[in-house]
């Protein structure tokens, strides 16, 4: 059972489009939370396929966009190095 009074009406965010939750705002900057790194491509300019928390579809991101996700990147590389 769920108390219907706890629900809030859906409002579309004009910045991020339909059906996309807004990012967290930390120190006046928008930040999305990484769930996991799924794959990578490239050797010199590495990009990662990132699965975001609260988002269904992953996206390819350059390493420079993931400066605050070093733990997720480290976990990804540790899993890849295991036999």
N, C-alpha and C. Protein backbone atom coordinates (compact mmCIF):
# COMPACT_ATOMS: atom_id res chain seq x y z
N UNK A 1 0.84 -1.17 0.00
CA UNK A 1 0.00 0.00 0.00
C UNK A 1 0.89 1.24 0.00
N UNK A 2 0.43 2.29 -0.66
CA UNK A 2 1.20 3.52 -0.78
C UNK A 2 0.28 4.71 -0.56
N UNK A 3 0.72 5.67 0.24
CA UNK A 3 -0.08 6.85 0.52
C UNK A 3 -0.02 7.80 -0.67
N UNK A 4 -1.14 7.99 -1.34
CA UNK A 4 -1.20 8.83 -2.54
C UNK A 4 -0.85 10.29 -2.25
N UNK A 5 -0.96 10.73 -1.01
CA UNK A 5 -0.62 12.11 -0.66
C UNK A 5 0.88 12.39 -0.77
N UNK A 6 1.70 11.33 -0.85
CA UNK A 6 3.14 11.50 -0.98
C UNK A 6 3.58 11.71 -2.43
N UNK A 7 2.68 11.49 -3.37
CA UNK A 7 3.01 11.67 -4.78
C UNK A 7 3.02 13.13 -5.17
N UNK A 8 3.89 13.46 -6.11
CA UNK A 8 3.93 14.82 -6.65
C UNK A 8 3.59 14.74 -8.13
N UNK A 9 2.94 15.76 -8.67
CA UNK A 9 2.61 15.72 -10.10
C UNK A 9 3.87 15.80 -10.95
N UNK A 10 3.81 15.14 -12.10
CA UNK A 10 4.92 15.16 -13.05
C UNK A 10 4.99 16.53 -13.72
N UNK A 11 6.18 17.09 -13.77
CA UNK A 11 6.39 18.33 -14.51
C UNK A 11 7.60 18.13 -15.42
N UNK A 12 7.44 18.47 -16.68
CA UNK A 12 8.53 18.32 -17.63
C UNK A 12 9.54 19.43 -17.42
N UNK A 13 10.80 19.07 -17.40
CA UNK A 13 11.90 20.01 -17.22
C UNK A 13 12.30 20.54 -18.59
N UNK A 14 12.15 21.83 -18.81
CA UNK A 14 12.44 22.41 -20.13
C UNK A 14 13.93 22.31 -20.51
N UNK A 15 14.79 22.22 -19.53
CA UNK A 15 16.22 22.13 -19.81
C UNK A 15 16.62 20.75 -20.29
N UNK A 16 16.08 19.71 -19.67
CA UNK A 16 16.52 18.35 -19.93
C UNK A 16 15.49 17.51 -20.68
N UNK A 17 14.37 18.06 -21.02
CA UNK A 17 13.40 17.35 -21.84
C UNK A 17 12.50 16.43 -21.05
N UNK A 18 11.66 15.75 -21.80
CA UNK A 18 10.66 14.87 -21.19
C UNK A 18 11.30 13.62 -20.61
N UNK A 19 10.74 13.18 -19.51
CA UNK A 19 11.09 11.91 -18.87
C UNK A 19 12.55 11.80 -18.43
N UNK A 20 13.20 12.90 -18.19
CA UNK A 20 14.56 12.88 -17.66
C UNK A 20 14.57 13.63 -16.34
N UNK A 21 14.91 12.92 -15.26
CA UNK A 21 14.97 13.62 -13.98
C UNK A 21 16.06 14.67 -13.99
N UNK A 22 15.86 15.76 -13.31
CA UNK A 22 16.90 16.79 -13.27
C UNK A 22 18.11 16.30 -12.50
N UNK A 23 19.28 16.82 -12.80
CA UNK A 23 20.49 16.41 -12.08
C UNK A 23 20.50 16.99 -10.67
N UNK A 24 21.37 16.43 -9.83
CA UNK A 24 21.62 17.02 -8.53
C UNK A 24 22.40 18.31 -8.76
N UNK A 25 22.19 19.29 -7.91
CA UNK A 25 22.96 20.53 -7.98
C UNK A 25 23.87 20.57 -6.76
N UNK A 26 25.19 20.52 -7.02
CA UNK A 26 26.18 20.51 -5.96
C UNK A 26 27.12 21.67 -6.20
N UNK A 27 27.25 22.54 -5.22
CA UNK A 27 28.08 23.74 -5.36
C UNK A 27 27.72 24.53 -6.61
N UNK A 28 26.42 24.66 -6.84
CA UNK A 28 25.86 25.42 -7.97
C UNK A 28 26.20 24.82 -9.34
N UNK A 29 26.61 23.55 -9.38
CA UNK A 29 26.89 22.85 -10.64
C UNK A 29 26.00 21.62 -10.73
N UNK A 30 25.50 21.37 -11.96
CA UNK A 30 24.69 20.18 -12.18
C UNK A 30 25.59 18.95 -12.21
N UNK A 31 25.18 17.91 -11.47
CA UNK A 31 25.93 16.67 -11.46
C UNK A 31 24.98 15.49 -11.53
N UNK A 32 25.35 14.49 -12.34
CA UNK A 32 24.60 13.26 -12.44
C UNK A 32 25.43 12.18 -11.78
N UNK A 33 24.77 11.21 -11.15
CA UNK A 33 25.49 10.17 -10.43
C UNK A 33 25.69 8.94 -11.31
N UNK A 34 26.93 8.47 -11.37
CA UNK A 34 27.28 7.31 -12.17
C UNK A 34 26.90 6.04 -11.40
N UNK A 35 26.18 5.15 -12.08
CA UNK A 35 25.88 3.84 -11.50
C UNK A 35 27.04 2.89 -11.75
N UNK A 36 27.48 2.85 -13.03
CA UNK A 36 28.63 2.01 -13.38
C UNK A 36 29.15 2.40 -14.77
N UNK A 37 30.37 2.00 -15.02
CA UNK A 37 30.97 2.14 -16.34
C UNK A 37 30.78 0.78 -17.03
N UNK A 38 30.21 0.78 -18.22
CA UNK A 38 29.92 -0.48 -18.91
C UNK A 38 31.00 -0.89 -19.90
N UNK A 39 31.54 0.06 -20.65
CA UNK A 39 32.57 -0.22 -21.65
C UNK A 39 33.42 1.01 -21.85
N UNK A 40 34.47 0.87 -22.63
CA UNK A 40 35.28 2.02 -23.03
C UNK A 40 35.66 1.85 -24.48
N UNK A 41 36.09 2.93 -25.09
CA UNK A 41 36.63 2.87 -26.45
C UNK A 41 37.75 3.89 -26.55
N UNK A 42 38.69 3.58 -27.42
CA UNK A 42 39.84 4.46 -27.61
C UNK A 42 40.99 4.09 -26.70
N UNK A 43 42.16 4.63 -27.05
CA UNK A 43 43.36 4.39 -26.24
C UNK A 43 43.94 5.70 -25.74
N UNK A 44 43.98 6.69 -26.61
CA UNK A 44 44.55 7.97 -26.22
C UNK A 44 43.46 8.88 -25.63
N UNK A 45 42.39 9.06 -26.36
CA UNK A 45 41.26 9.86 -25.88
C UNK A 45 40.12 8.91 -25.52
N UNK A 46 40.18 8.36 -24.33
CA UNK A 46 39.23 7.33 -23.90
C UNK A 46 37.85 7.94 -23.65
N UNK A 47 36.85 7.24 -24.15
CA UNK A 47 35.47 7.56 -23.80
C UNK A 47 34.86 6.33 -23.14
N UNK A 48 33.95 6.58 -22.20
CA UNK A 48 33.33 5.51 -21.44
C UNK A 48 31.83 5.48 -21.69
N UNK A 49 31.27 4.26 -21.75
CA UNK A 49 29.83 4.10 -21.80
C UNK A 49 29.36 4.07 -20.36
N UNK A 50 28.63 5.11 -19.97
CA UNK A 50 28.26 5.32 -18.57
C UNK A 50 26.78 5.02 -18.37
N UNK A 51 26.49 4.18 -17.38
CA UNK A 51 25.11 3.94 -16.94
C UNK A 51 24.89 4.87 -15.75
N UNK A 52 23.92 5.77 -15.91
CA UNK A 52 23.64 6.78 -14.89
C UNK A 52 22.54 6.30 -13.95
N UNK A 53 22.63 6.67 -12.70
CA UNK A 53 21.56 6.40 -11.75
C UNK A 53 20.36 7.24 -12.15
N UNK A 54 19.18 6.66 -12.13
CA UNK A 54 17.89 7.28 -12.46
C UNK A 54 17.67 7.46 -13.95
N UNK A 55 18.59 6.99 -14.80
CA UNK A 55 18.40 7.08 -16.24
C UNK A 55 18.44 5.68 -16.83
N UNK A 56 17.59 5.44 -17.79
CA UNK A 56 17.51 4.13 -18.39
C UNK A 56 18.63 3.90 -19.41
N UNK A 57 18.91 4.89 -20.23
CA UNK A 57 19.87 4.72 -21.31
C UNK A 57 21.26 5.23 -20.92
N UNK A 58 22.30 4.43 -21.19
CA UNK A 58 23.67 4.90 -20.95
C UNK A 58 24.10 5.88 -22.03
N UNK A 59 25.17 6.59 -21.79
CA UNK A 59 25.70 7.53 -22.79
C UNK A 59 27.23 7.43 -22.83
N UNK A 60 27.79 7.73 -23.99
CA UNK A 60 29.25 7.77 -24.15
C UNK A 60 29.74 9.13 -23.66
N UNK A 61 30.72 9.10 -22.77
CA UNK A 61 31.26 10.34 -22.19
C UNK A 61 32.78 10.33 -22.25
N UNK A 62 33.38 11.47 -22.60
CA UNK A 62 34.85 11.55 -22.52
C UNK A 62 35.28 11.54 -21.06
N UNK A 63 36.48 11.06 -20.85
CA UNK A 63 37.01 10.97 -19.49
C UNK A 63 36.98 12.32 -18.78
N UNK A 64 37.14 13.40 -19.53
CA UNK A 64 37.14 14.73 -18.92
C UNK A 64 35.79 15.09 -18.29
N UNK A 65 34.70 14.46 -18.72
CA UNK A 65 33.39 14.71 -18.11
C UNK A 65 33.19 13.92 -16.83
N UNK A 66 34.10 13.01 -16.52
CA UNK A 66 33.91 12.10 -15.40
C UNK A 66 34.90 12.35 -14.27
N UNK A 67 35.32 13.59 -14.11
CA UNK A 67 36.33 13.91 -13.11
C UNK A 67 35.88 13.55 -11.70
N UNK A 68 34.58 13.51 -11.46
CA UNK A 68 34.07 13.20 -10.12
C UNK A 68 33.60 11.75 -10.01
N UNK A 69 34.00 10.90 -10.97
CA UNK A 69 33.58 9.50 -10.97
C UNK A 69 34.79 8.56 -10.99
N UNK A 70 35.85 8.96 -10.34
CA UNK A 70 37.08 8.17 -10.36
C UNK A 70 36.90 6.79 -9.71
N UNK A 71 36.03 6.68 -8.73
CA UNK A 71 35.79 5.39 -8.09
C UNK A 71 35.14 4.41 -9.08
N UNK A 72 34.16 4.88 -9.84
CA UNK A 72 33.50 4.03 -10.83
C UNK A 72 34.48 3.62 -11.93
N UNK A 73 35.34 4.53 -12.35
CA UNK A 73 36.34 4.21 -13.37
C UNK A 73 37.33 3.18 -12.83
N UNK A 74 37.77 3.35 -11.59
CA UNK A 74 38.69 2.39 -10.97
C UNK A 74 38.07 1.01 -10.85
N UNK A 75 36.80 0.95 -10.47
CA UNK A 75 36.09 -0.33 -10.37
C UNK A 75 36.01 -1.00 -11.73
N UNK A 76 35.72 -0.23 -12.77
CA UNK A 76 35.65 -0.76 -14.13
C UNK A 76 36.98 -1.41 -14.53
N UNK A 77 38.08 -0.69 -14.32
CA UNK A 77 39.38 -1.22 -14.73
C UNK A 77 39.79 -2.42 -13.89
N UNK A 78 39.44 -2.45 -12.61
CA UNK A 78 39.75 -3.62 -11.77
C UNK A 78 39.01 -4.85 -12.27
N UNK A 79 37.75 -4.70 -12.64
CA UNK A 79 36.99 -5.83 -13.16
C UNK A 79 37.56 -6.33 -14.48
N UNK A 80 38.04 -5.42 -15.32
CA UNK A 80 38.60 -5.81 -16.61
C UNK A 80 39.93 -6.53 -16.46
N UNK A 81 40.67 -6.25 -15.41
CA UNK A 81 42.01 -6.86 -15.25
C UNK A 81 41.94 -8.25 -14.62
N UNK A 82 40.77 -8.65 -14.10
CA UNK A 82 40.64 -9.97 -13.50
C UNK A 82 40.54 -11.03 -14.60
N UNK A 83 41.20 -12.20 -14.37
CA UNK A 83 41.18 -13.26 -15.40
C UNK A 83 39.83 -13.88 -15.62
